[in-house]
Amino acid sequence: MIAVLASLIFGGFLAWYLSRPLEHLRWGLQRMAEGQLGTRVEPLMKGRRDEIADLAHDIDGMAAQLQAMIAARDRLLHDISHELRSPLSRIQAAIGLLKQGSSQVGDMVERVERETQRLDALIGEMLTLHRLAAAAPVSRSAVDLVELLHDIAADADFEGRAMNRSVRIETPERFVARVDGELIYRAFENVIRNAVKHTAEGSAVDVHARLRAEGQQLEVVIGDHGPGVPPDMLEAIFEPFVRIDQQELGRGVGLGLAIARSAVLAHGGAIEASLADHGGLLIRIELPR
């Protein structure tokens, strides 16, 4: 009878010891399902060191990731609405002046046309970014990335001459990789054009490419002679709608580097920013064959 009584007591204690943390997990999951993603269940485990405590830790990590993703989505939606509202407001103002019989009809029509083009570019950039964010499989074909770089550099150099800026390029003979040519073109073009826009007048943007990993990887470094960015912004510049200089609000849509990063990562590559010794910005891109 003593043995039976001891077994019952031990069984009851074991059932309580196991069921109580499971009730905490159930309570936490219910709150998270209701949208309260700030709920955490690991502190309720009271210092346990078993599989249930590990599960609570993983659930808290999942909730934190979901909370961060939702916050990023809300911030992105806010930024998109702001970016769309700005050109629409200017179009409405121009139309209002036209209705009032403004004498500057040509200027107002030009303004509407310019803002319409900006809206079209913004929507196109957002669709590209959404395509990359959806992690859809990229359509690959054999592309010579060196030839691609030279084409982009030649166009950027031609446009930069009008602003007393130039583009210098140094590459190996060729590097053929299986990539989505359009996405990689957009990535290189966005970075190089961004460098041309910010480099100092009378200076040149340097594009250096070299083979690495026994010829299985291409490293491209694009450097400008501009003001650079604050060190704590080197990661943030790859986020959508991030601008270092708020005076740039009327120029570009702030998605170029975000698209470049997403395109490079979709091909298993890497991209990072650093500050050059002379103060300009360096963007390093690595792409596998």
C-alpha atoms as a PDB file:
ATOM      1  CA  MET A   1       0.000   0.000   0.000  1.00  0.00           C
ATOM      2  CA  ILE A   2       2.891   2.348   0.761  1.00  0.00           C
ATOM      3  CA  ALA A   3       4.397   1.554  -2.659  1.00  0.00           C
ATOM      4  CA  VAL A   4       1.043   2.201  -4.389  1.00  0.00           C
ATOM      5  CA  LEU A   5       0.584   5.457  -2.492  1.00  0.00           C
ATOM      6  CA  ALA A   6       4.126   6.567  -3.384  1.00  0.00           C
ATOM      7  CA  SER A   7       3.492   5.706  -7.030  1.00  0.00           C
ATOM      8  CA  LEU A   8       0.293   7.731  -7.051  1.00  0.00           C
ATOM      9  CA  ILE A   9       2.019  10.730  -5.459  1.00  0.00           C
ATOM     10  CA  PHE A  10       4.968  10.504  -7.876  1.00  0.00           C
ATOM     11  CA  GLY A  11       2.593  10.070 -10.855  1.00  0.00           C
ATOM     12  CA  GLY A  12       0.547  13.090  -9.826  1.00  0.00           C
ATOM     13  CA  PHE A  13       3.672  15.200  -9.397  1.00  0.00           C
ATOM     14  CA  LEU A  14       5.002  14.056 -12.788  1.00  0.00           C
ATOM     15  CA  ALA A  15       1.676  14.852 -14.477  1.00  0.00           C
ATOM     16  CA  TRP A  16       1.678  18.323 -12.914  1.00  0.00           C
ATOM     17  CA  TYR A  17       5.333  18.876 -13.827  1.00  0.00           C
ATOM     18  CA  LEU A  18       4.644  18.058 -17.489  1.00  0.00           C
ATOM     19  CA  SER A  19       1.156  19.484 -17.934  1.00  0.00           C
ATOM     20  CA  ARG A  20       1.801  22.917 -16.389  1.00  0.00           C
ATOM     21  CA  PRO A  21       4.419  24.061 -18.964  1.00  0.00           C
ATOM     22  CA  LEU A  22       2.267  22.613 -21.732  1.00  0.00           C
ATOM     23  CA  GLU A  23      -0.598  24.790 -20.499  1.00  0.00           C
ATOM     24  CA  HIS A  24       1.742  27.783 -20.635  1.00  0.00           C
ATOM     25  CA  LEU A  25       2.654  26.901 -24.235  1.00  0.00           C
ATOM     26  CA  ARG A  26      -1.008  26.543 -25.153  1.00  0.00           C
ATOM     27  CA  TRP A  27      -1.833  29.902 -23.554  1.00  0.00           C
ATOM     28  CA  GLY A  28       1.040  31.613 -25.374  1.00  0.00           C
ATOM     29  CA  LEU A  29       0.119  30.133 -28.765  1.00  0.00           C
ATOM     30  CA  GLN A  30      -3.494  31.211 -28.315  1.00  0.00           C
ATOM     31  CA  ARG A  31      -2.413  34.792 -27.588  1.00  0.00           C
ATOM     32  CA  MET A  32      -0.099  34.796 -30.609  1.00  0.00           C
ATOM     33  CA  ALA A  33      -2.914  33.485 -32.786  1.00  0.00           C
ATOM     34  CA  GLU A  34      -4.981  36.465 -31.608  1.00  0.00           C
ATOM     35  CA  GLY A  35      -2.252  38.793 -32.909  1.00  0.00           C
ATOM     36  CA  GLN A  36      -0.469  39.519 -29.626  1.00  0.00           C
ATOM     37  CA  LEU A  37       2.978  38.683 -30.962  1.00  0.00           C
ATOM     38  CA  GLY A  38       4.714  40.352 -28.031  1.00  0.00           C
ATOM     39  CA  THR A  39       3.756  37.355 -25.865  1.00  0.00           C
ATOM     40  CA  ARG A  40       6.699  35.311 -24.565  1.00  0.00           C
ATOM     41  CA  VAL A  41       6.432  31.905 -22.879  1.00  0.00           C
ATOM     42  CA  GLU A  42      10.061  31.076 -22.055  1.00  0.00           C
ATOM     43  CA  PRO A  43      10.045  33.222 -18.873  1.00  0.00           C
ATOM     44  CA  LEU A  44       7.130  31.074 -17.652  1.00  0.00           C
ATOM     45  CA  MET A  45       9.273  27.924 -17.759  1.00  0.00           C
ATOM     46  CA  LYS A  46      10.857  28.912 -14.387  1.00  0.00           C
ATOM     47  CA  GLY A  47      14.379  27.902 -15.347  1.00  0.00           C
ATOM     48  CA  ARG A  48      13.532  24.472 -16.797  1.00  0.00           C
ATOM     49  CA  ARG A  49      16.296  22.808 -18.846  1.00  0.00           C
ATOM     50  CA  ASP A  50      14.422  20.200 -20.838  1.00  0.00           C
ATOM     51  CA  GLU A  51      12.865  19.742 -24.286  1.00  0.00           C
ATOM     52  CA  ILE A  52       9.762  21.715 -23.307  1.00  0.00           C
ATOM     53  CA  ALA A  53      11.916  24.713 -22.370  1.00  0.00           C
ATOM     54  CA  ASP A  54      13.718  24.379 -25.723  1.00  0.00           C
ATOM     55  CA  LEU A  55      10.337  24.363 -27.458  1.00  0.00           C
ATOM     56  CA  ALA A  56       9.317  27.507 -25.564  1.00  0.00           C
ATOM     57  CA  HIS A  57      12.561  29.185 -26.665  1.00  0.00           C
ATOM     58  CA  ASP A  58      11.867  28.273 -30.313  1.00  0.00           C
ATOM     59  CA  ILE A  59       8.277  29.554 -30.076  1.00  0.00           C
ATOM     60  CA  ASP A  60       9.485  32.877 -28.677  1.00  0.00           C
ATOM     61  CA  GLY A  61      12.023  33.127 -31.512  1.00  0.00           C
ATOM     62  CA  MET A  62       9.287  32.462 -34.074  1.00  0.00           C
ATOM     63  CA  ALA A  63       7.078  35.140 -32.508  1.00  0.00           C
ATOM     64  CA  ALA A  64       9.943  37.660 -32.545  1.00  0.00           C
ATOM     65  CA  GLN A  65      10.608  36.958 -36.230  1.00  0.00           C
ATOM     66  CA  LEU A  66       6.930  37.349 -37.109  1.00  0.00           C
ATOM     67  CA  GLN A  67       6.774  40.574 -35.123  1.00  0.00           C
ATOM     68  CA  ALA A  68       9.796  41.959 -36.982  1.00  0.00           C
ATOM     69  CA  MET A  69       8.382  40.911 -40.373  1.00  0.00           C
ATOM     70  CA  ILE A  70       5.026  42.565 -39.673  1.00  0.00           C
ATOM     71  CA  ALA A  71       6.741  45.738 -38.471  1.00  0.00           C
ATOM     72  CA  ALA A  72       8.868  45.787 -41.640  1.00  0.00           C
ATOM     73  CA  ARG A  73       5.757  45.246 -43.777  1.00  0.00           C
ATOM     74  CA  ASP A  74       3.895  48.069 -42.062  1.00  0.00           C
ATOM     75  CA  ARG A  75       6.896  50.372 -42.465  1.00  0.00           C
ATOM     76  CA  LEU A  76       7.192  49.448 -46.145  1.00  0.00           C
ATOM     77  CA  LEU A  77       3.485  50.088 -46.745  1.00  0.00           C
ATOM     78  CA  HIS A  78       3.819  53.473 -45.040  1.00  0.00           C
ATOM     79  CA  ASP A  79       6.821  54.356 -47.203  1.00  0.00           C
ATOM     80  CA  ILE A  80       5.063  53.217 -50.378  1.00  0.00           C
ATOM     81  CA  SER A  81       1.976  55.274 -49.596  1.00  0.00           C
ATOM     82  CA  HIS A  82       4.189  58.311 -48.946  1.00  0.00           C
ATOM     83  CA  GLU A  83       6.132  57.822 -52.175  1.00  0.00           C
ATOM     84  CA  LEU A  84       2.919  57.477 -54.190  1.00  0.00           C
ATOM     85  CA  ARG A  85       1.208  60.404 -52.520  1.00  0.00           C
ATOM     86  CA  SER A  86       4.017  62.902 -53.245  1.00  0.00           C
ATOM     87  CA  PRO A  87       3.886  62.813 -57.079  1.00  0.00           C
ATOM     88  CA  LEU A  88       0.093  62.534 -57.011  1.00  0.00           C
ATOM     89  CA  SER A  89      -0.092  65.706 -54.927  1.00  0.00           C
ATOM     90  CA  ARG A  90       2.114  67.550 -57.414  1.00  0.00           C
ATOM     91  CA  ILE A  91       0.012  66.307 -60.333  1.00  0.00           C
ATOM     92  CA  GLN A  92      -3.152  67.497 -58.585  1.00  0.00           C
ATOM     93  CA  ALA A  93      -1.559  70.896 -57.927  1.00  0.00           C
ATOM     94  CA  ALA A  94      -0.563  71.239 -61.587  1.00  0.00           C
ATOM     95  CA  ILE A  95      -4.048  70.265 -62.750  1.00  0.00           C
ATOM     96  CA  GLY A  96      -5.547  72.792 -60.328  1.00  0.00           C
ATOM     97  CA  LEU A  97      -3.398  75.570 -61.781  1.00  0.00           C
ATOM     98  CA  LEU A  98      -4.377  74.535 -65.296  1.00  0.00           C
ATOM     99  CA  LYS A  99      -8.058  74.735 -64.359  1.00  0.00           C
ATOM    100  CA  GLN A 100      -7.492  78.243 -63.030  1.00  0.00           C
ATOM    101  CA  GLY A 101      -6.173  79.262 -66.423  1.00  0.00           C
ATOM    102  CA  SER A 102      -2.498  79.486 -65.514  1.00  0.00           C
ATOM    103  CA  SER A 103      -0.353  81.134 -68.137  1.00  0.00           C
ATOM    104  CA  GLN A 104       2.377  78.518 -67.586  1.00  0.00           C
ATOM    105  CA  VAL A 105       0.530  75.783 -69.453  1.00  0.00           C
ATOM    106  CA  GLY A 106       3.700  74.315 -70.943  1.00  0.00           C
ATOM    107  CA  ASP A 107       5.433  74.116 -67.558  1.00  0.00           C
ATOM    108  CA  MET A 108       2.400  72.532 -65.913  1.00  0.00           C
ATOM    109  CA  VAL A 109       2.040  69.895 -68.652  1.00  0.00           C
ATOM    110  CA  GLU A 110       5.751  69.137 -68.361  1.00  0.00           C
ATOM    111  CA  ARG A 111       5.368  68.768 -64.599  1.00  0.00           C
ATOM    112  CA  VAL A 112       2.447  66.347 -64.987  1.00  0.00           C
ATOM    113  CA  GLU A 113       4.406  64.339 -67.538  1.00  0.00           C
ATOM    114  CA  ARG A 114       7.470  64.198 -65.286  1.00  0.00           C
ATOM    115  CA  GLU A 115       5.491  63.110 -62.236  1.00  0.00           C
ATOM    116  CA  THR A 116       3.629  60.493 -64.286  1.00  0.00           C
ATOM    117  CA  GLN A 117       6.953  59.049 -65.416  1.00  0.00           C
ATOM    118  CA  ARG A 118       8.102  59.022 -61.813  1.00  0.00           C
ATOM    119  CA  LEU A 119       4.980  57.105 -60.770  1.00  0.00           C
ATOM    120  CA  ASP A 120       5.497  54.622 -63.588  1.00  0.00           C
ATOM    121  CA  ALA A 121       9.139  54.099 -62.551  1.00  0.00           C
ATOM    122  CA  LEU A 122       8.155  53.681 -58.907  1.00  0.00           C
ATOM    123  CA  ILE A 123       5.519  51.054 -59.698  1.00  0.00           C
ATOM    124  CA  GLY A 124       7.966  49.194 -61.927  1.00  0.00           C
ATOM    125  CA  GLU A 125      10.623  49.189 -59.190  1.00  0.00           C
ATOM    126  CA  MET A 126       8.115  47.980 -56.593  1.00  0.00           C
ATOM    127  CA  LEU A 127       6.972  45.129 -58.859  1.00  0.00           C
ATOM    128  CA  THR A 128      10.587  44.067 -59.375  1.00  0.00           C
ATOM    129  CA  LEU A 129      11.259  44.191 -55.634  1.00  0.00           C
ATOM    130  CA  HIS A 130       8.081  42.205 -54.929  1.00  0.00           C
ATOM    131  CA  ARG A 131       9.108  39.576 -57.465  1.00  0.00           C
ATOM    132  CA  LEU A 132      12.461  39.183 -55.749  1.00  0.00           C
ATOM    133  CA  ALA A 133      10.960  39.222 -52.244  1.00  0.00           C
ATOM    134  CA  ALA A 134       8.545  36.435 -53.226  1.00  0.00           C
ATOM    135  CA  ALA A 135      11.602  34.177 -53.759  1.00  0.00           C
ATOM    136  CA  ALA A 136      10.277  33.043 -57.120  1.00  0.00           C
ATOM    137  CA  PRO A 137      12.756  30.908 -59.111  1.00  0.00           C
ATOM    138  CA  VAL A 138      14.931  33.045 -61.367  1.00  0.00           C
ATOM    139  CA  SER A 139      15.037  32.255 -65.078  1.00  0.00           C
ATOM    140  CA  ARG A 140      18.668  31.423 -65.850  1.00  0.00           C
ATOM    141  CA  SER A 141      20.613  31.500 -69.094  1.00  0.00           C
ATOM    142  CA  ALA A 142      24.283  31.835 -70.031  1.00  0.00           C
ATOM    143  CA  VAL A 143      25.325  35.507 -69.783  1.00  0.00           C
ATOM    144  CA  ASP A 144      28.787  37.068 -70.054  1.00  0.00           C
ATOM    145  CA  LEU A 145      28.797  39.329 -66.990  1.00  0.00           C
ATOM    146  CA  VAL A 146      31.947  41.113 -68.143  1.00  0.00           C
ATOM    147  CA  GLU A 147      30.256  42.152 -71.375  1.00  0.00           C
ATOM    148  CA  LEU A 148      27.236  43.241 -69.334  1.00  0.00           C
ATOM    149  CA  LEU A 149      29.439  45.407 -67.123  1.00  0.00           C
ATOM    150  CA  HIS A 150      31.114  47.074 -70.089  1.00  0.00           C
ATOM    151  CA  ASP A 151      27.748  47.920 -71.682  1.00  0.00           C
ATOM    152  CA  ILE A 152      26.459  49.474 -68.460  1.00  0.00           C
ATOM    153  CA  ALA A 153      29.701  51.349 -67.821  1.00  0.00           C
ATOM    154  CA  ALA A 154      29.725  52.766 -71.355  1.00  0.00           C
ATOM    155  CA  ASP A 155      26.154  54.075 -71.006  1.00  0.00           C
ATOM    156  CA  ALA A 156      26.835  55.508 -67.528  1.00  0.00           C
ATOM    157  CA  ASP A 157      30.056  57.146 -68.748  1.00  0.00           C
ATOM    158  CA  PHE A 158      28.229  58.753 -71.681  1.00  0.00           C
ATOM    159  CA  GLU A 159      25.538  60.162 -69.392  1.00  0.00           C
ATOM    160  CA  GLY A 160      28.065  61.187 -66.741  1.00  0.00           C
ATOM    161  CA  ARG A 161      30.076  63.310 -69.207  1.00  0.00           C
ATOM    162  CA  ALA A 162      27.235  65.832 -69.189  1.00  0.00           C
ATOM    163  CA  MET A 163      27.857  66.290 -65.430  1.00  0.00           C
ATOM    164  CA  ASN A 164      31.655  66.302 -65.762  1.00  0.00           C
ATOM    165  CA  ARG A 165      31.886  62.775 -64.377  1.00  0.00           C
ATOM    166  CA  SER A 166      33.235  59.589 -65.914  1.00  0.00           C
ATOM    167  CA  VAL A 167      33.351  55.836 -65.436  1.00  0.00           C
ATOM    168  CA  ARG A 168      36.546  53.773 -65.564  1.00  0.00           C
ATOM    169  CA  ILE A 169      36.350  49.995 -65.832  1.00  0.00           C
ATOM    170  CA  GLU A 170      38.868  47.205 -65.454  1.00  0.00           C
ATOM    171  CA  THR A 171      37.777  43.579 -65.893  1.00  0.00           C
ATOM    172  CA  PRO A 172      38.985  40.143 -66.956  1.00  0.00           C
ATOM    173  CA  GLU A 173      38.285  39.052 -70.529  1.00  0.00           C
ATOM    174  CA  ARG A 174      35.048  37.224 -69.788  1.00  0.00           C
ATOM    175  CA  PHE A 175      32.990  35.498 -67.137  1.00  0.00           C
ATOM    176  CA  VAL A 176      30.010  33.485 -68.346  1.00  0.00           C
ATOM    177  CA  ALA A 177      27.495  32.567 -65.655  1.00  0.00           C
ATOM    178  CA  ARG A 178      23.989  31.127 -65.623  1.00  0.00           C
ATOM    179  CA  VAL A 179      21.897  34.014 -64.337  1.00  0.00           C
ATOM    180  CA  ASP A 180      18.750  35.994 -64.978  1.00  0.00           C
ATOM    181  CA  GLY A 181      20.336  38.561 -67.278  1.00  0.00           C
ATOM    182  CA  GLU A 182      17.678  41.211 -66.698  1.00  0.00           C
ATOM    183  CA  LEU A 183      17.933  41.073 -62.894  1.00  0.00           C
ATOM    184  CA  ILE A 184      21.731  41.118 -62.834  1.00  0.00           C
ATOM    185  CA  TYR A 185      21.728  43.963 -65.368  1.00  0.00           C
ATOM    186  CA  ARG A 186      19.413  45.922 -63.070  1.00  0.00           C
ATOM    187  CA  ALA A 187      21.659  45.177 -60.075  1.00  0.00           C
ATOM    188  CA  PHE A 188      24.868  46.397 -61.740  1.00  0.00           C
ATOM    189  CA  GLU A 189      23.135  49.334 -63.387  1.00  0.00           C
ATOM    190  CA  ASN A 190      21.531  50.547 -60.168  1.00  0.00           C
ATOM    191  CA  VAL A 191      24.826  50.464 -58.266  1.00  0.00           C
ATOM    192  CA  ILE A 192      26.888  52.114 -61.034  1.00  0.00           C
ATOM    193  CA  ARG A 193      24.312  54.830 -61.756  1.00  0.00           C
ATOM    194  CA  ASN A 194      24.000  55.522 -58.045  1.00  0.00           C
ATOM    195  CA  ALA A 195      27.785  55.938 -57.862  1.00  0.00           C
ATOM    196  CA  VAL A 196      27.805  58.314 -60.849  1.00  0.00           C
ATOM    197  CA  LYS A 197      25.074  60.398 -59.233  1.00  0.00           C
ATOM    198  CA  HIS A 198      26.968  60.809 -55.960  1.00  0.00           C
ATOM    199  CA  THR A 199      30.595  61.023 -57.063  1.00  0.00           C
ATOM    200  CA  ALA A 200      32.188  64.464 -56.937  1.00  0.00           C
ATOM    201  CA  GLU A 201      32.139  66.655 -60.034  1.00  0.00           C
ATOM    202  CA  GLY A 202      35.279  66.133 -62.075  1.00  0.00           C
ATOM    203  CA  SER A 203      35.897  62.673 -60.590  1.00  0.00           C
ATOM    204  CA  ALA A 204      35.457  59.150 -61.939  1.00  0.00           C
ATOM    205  CA  VAL A 205      33.601  56.066 -60.787  1.00  0.00           C
ATOM    206  CA  ASP A 206      35.902  53.021 -60.752  1.00  0.00           C
ATOM    207  CA  VAL A 207      34.536  49.581 -61.661  1.00  0.00           C
ATOM    208  CA  HIS A 208      37.018  46.789 -60.931  1.00  0.00           C
ATOM    209  CA  ALA A 209      36.191  43.134 -61.576  1.00  0.00           C
ATOM    210  CA  ARG A 210      38.357  40.096 -60.929  1.00  0.00           C
ATOM    211  CA  LEU A 211      38.035  36.310 -60.834  1.00  0.00           C
ATOM    212  CA  ARG A 212      38.116  34.483 -57.533  1.00  0.00           C
ATOM    213  CA  ALA A 213      37.717  30.924 -56.234  1.00  0.00           C
ATOM    214  CA  GLU A 214      39.747  29.470 -59.129  1.00  0.00           C
ATOM    215  CA  GLY A 215      37.655  31.302 -61.674  1.00  0.00           C
ATOM    216  CA  GLN A 216      34.296  30.158 -60.282  1.00  0.00           C
ATOM    217  CA  GLN A 217      33.357  33.531 -58.796  1.00  0.00           C
ATOM    218  CA  LEU A 218      33.337  37.111 -60.058  1.00  0.00           C
ATOM    219  CA  GLU A 219      34.037  39.945 -57.643  1.00  0.00           C
ATOM    220  CA  VAL A 220      33.002  43.438 -58.741  1.00  0.00           C
ATOM    221  CA  VAL A 221      33.914  46.544 -56.727  1.00  0.00           C
ATOM    222  CA  ILE A 222      32.275  49.871 -57.640  1.00  0.00           C
ATOM    223  CA  GLY A 223      33.798  52.919 -55.962  1.00  0.00           C
ATOM    224  CA  ASP A 224      32.938  56.603 -56.155  1.00  0.00           C
ATOM    225  CA  HIS A 225      34.553  59.795 -54.870  1.00  0.00           C
ATOM    226  CA  GLY A 226      31.471  61.202 -53.204  1.00  0.00           C
ATOM    227  CA  PRO A 227      30.705  62.077 -49.582  1.00  0.00           C
ATOM    228  CA  GLY A 228      30.126  58.440 -48.607  1.00  0.00           C
ATOM    229  CA  VAL A 229      27.612  57.507 -45.921  1.00  0.00           C
ATOM    230  CA  PRO A 230      27.707  57.427 -42.113  1.00  0.00           C
ATOM    231  CA  PRO A 231      29.254  54.136 -40.906  1.00  0.00           C
ATOM    232  CA  ASP A 232      26.048  53.130 -39.134  1.00  0.00           C
ATOM    233  CA  MET A 233      24.132  53.407 -42.432  1.00  0.00           C
ATOM    234  CA  LEU A 234      26.233  50.938 -44.443  1.00  0.00           C
ATOM    235  CA  GLU A 235      23.610  48.201 -43.991  1.00  0.00           C
ATOM    236  CA  ALA A 236      20.561  50.459 -44.042  1.00  0.00           C
ATOM    237  CA  ILE A 237      21.260  51.809 -47.555  1.00  0.00           C
ATOM    238  CA  PHE A 238      20.141  48.443 -48.943  1.00  0.00           C
ATOM    239  CA  GLU A 239      16.681  48.802 -47.378  1.00  0.00           C
ATOM    240  CA  PRO A 240      13.759  50.088 -49.504  1.00  0.00           C
ATOM    241  CA  PHE A 241      13.158  53.872 -49.558  1.00  0.00           C
ATOM    242  CA  VAL A 242      16.206  54.652 -47.419  1.00  0.00           C
ATOM    243  CA  ARG A 243      17.965  57.884 -48.413  1.00  0.00           C
ATOM    244  CA  ILE A 244      20.971  59.398 -46.693  1.00  0.00           C
ATOM    245  CA  ASP A 245      20.294  62.928 -47.945  1.00  0.00           C
ATOM    246  CA  GLN A 246      16.695  64.041 -47.590  1.00  0.00           C
ATOM    247  CA  GLN A 247      17.311  66.576 -50.350  1.00  0.00           C
ATOM    248  CA  GLU A 248      17.252  63.597 -52.732  1.00  0.00           C
ATOM    249  CA  LEU A 249      13.519  63.089 -52.176  1.00  0.00           C
ATOM    250  CA  GLY A 250      12.675  64.371 -55.617  1.00  0.00           C
ATOM    251  CA  ARG A 251      15.305  62.276 -57.388  1.00  0.00           C
ATOM    252  CA  GLY A 252      14.869  58.532 -57.672  1.00  0.00           C
ATOM    253  CA  VAL A 253      12.601  56.305 -55.639  1.00  0.00           C
ATOM    254  CA  GLY A 254      15.050  54.819 -53.143  1.00  0.00           C
ATOM    255  CA  LEU A 255      14.742  51.231 -54.376  1.00  0.00           C
ATOM    256  CA  GLY A 256      17.836  50.838 -56.536  1.00  0.00           C
ATOM    257  CA  LEU A 257      20.178  49.348 -53.935  1.00  0.00           C
ATOM    258  CA  ALA A 258      17.376  47.275 -52.406  1.00  0.00           C
ATOM    259  CA  ILE A 259      16.719  45.689 -55.814  1.00  0.00           C
ATOM    260  CA  ALA A 260      20.455  45.179 -56.341  1.00  0.00           C
ATOM    261  CA  ARG A 261      20.795  43.333 -53.049  1.00  0.00           C
ATOM    262  CA  SER A 262      17.729  41.159 -53.648  1.00  0.00           C
ATOM    263  CA  ALA A 263      18.869  40.281 -57.189  1.00  0.00           C
ATOM    264  CA  VAL A 264      22.378  39.349 -56.050  1.00  0.00           C
ATOM    265  CA  LEU A 265      21.123  37.249 -53.121  1.00  0.00           C
ATOM    266  CA  ALA A 266      18.638  35.470 -55.402  1.00  0.00           C
ATOM    267  CA  HIS A 267      21.640  34.204 -57.396  1.00  0.00           C
ATOM    268  CA  GLY A 268      23.521  32.966 -54.340  1.00  0.00           C
ATOM    269  CA  GLY A 269      25.859  35.950 -54.333  1.00  0.00           C
ATOM    270  CA  ALA A 270      26.809  38.581 -51.769  1.00  0.00           C
ATOM    271  CA  ILE A 271      26.785  42.369 -51.671  1.00  0.00           C
ATOM    272  CA  GLU A 272      28.167  44.762 -49.079  1.00  0.00           C
ATOM    273  CA  ALA A 273      29.073  48.409 -48.671  1.00  0.00           C
ATOM    274  CA  SER A 274      32.135  49.965 -47.075  1.00  0.00           C
ATOM    275  CA  LEU A 275      33.865  53.329 -46.913  1.00  0.00           C
ATOM    276  CA  ALA A 276      36.891  53.983 -49.119  1.00  0.00           C
ATOM    277  CA  ASP A 277      40.065  55.513 -47.718  1.00  0.00           C
ATOM    278  CA  HIS A 278      39.361  58.729 -49.620  1.00  0.00           C
ATOM    279  CA  GLY A 279      35.856  58.916 -48.125  1.00  0.00           C
ATOM    280  CA  GLY A 280      33.773  57.626 -51.021  1.00  0.00           C
ATOM    281  CA  LEU A 281      31.524  54.580 -51.003  1.00  0.00           C
ATOM    282  CA  LEU A 282      32.574  51.101 -52.136  1.00  0.00           C
ATOM    283  CA  ILE A 283      30.023  48.461 -53.130  1.00  0.00           C
ATOM    284  CA  ARG A 284      31.407  44.932 -53.465  1.00  0.00           C
ATOM    285  CA  ILE A 285      29.380  42.300 -55.321  1.00  0.00           C
ATOM    286  CA  GLU A 286      30.234  38.607 -55.591  1.00  0.00           C
ATOM    287  CA  LEU A 287      28.470  36.292 -58.006  1.00  0.00           C
ATOM    288  CA  PRO A 288      29.104  32.573 -58.546  1.00  0.00           C
ATOM    289  CA  ARG A 289      29.390  31.094 -61.996  1.00  0.00           C
END
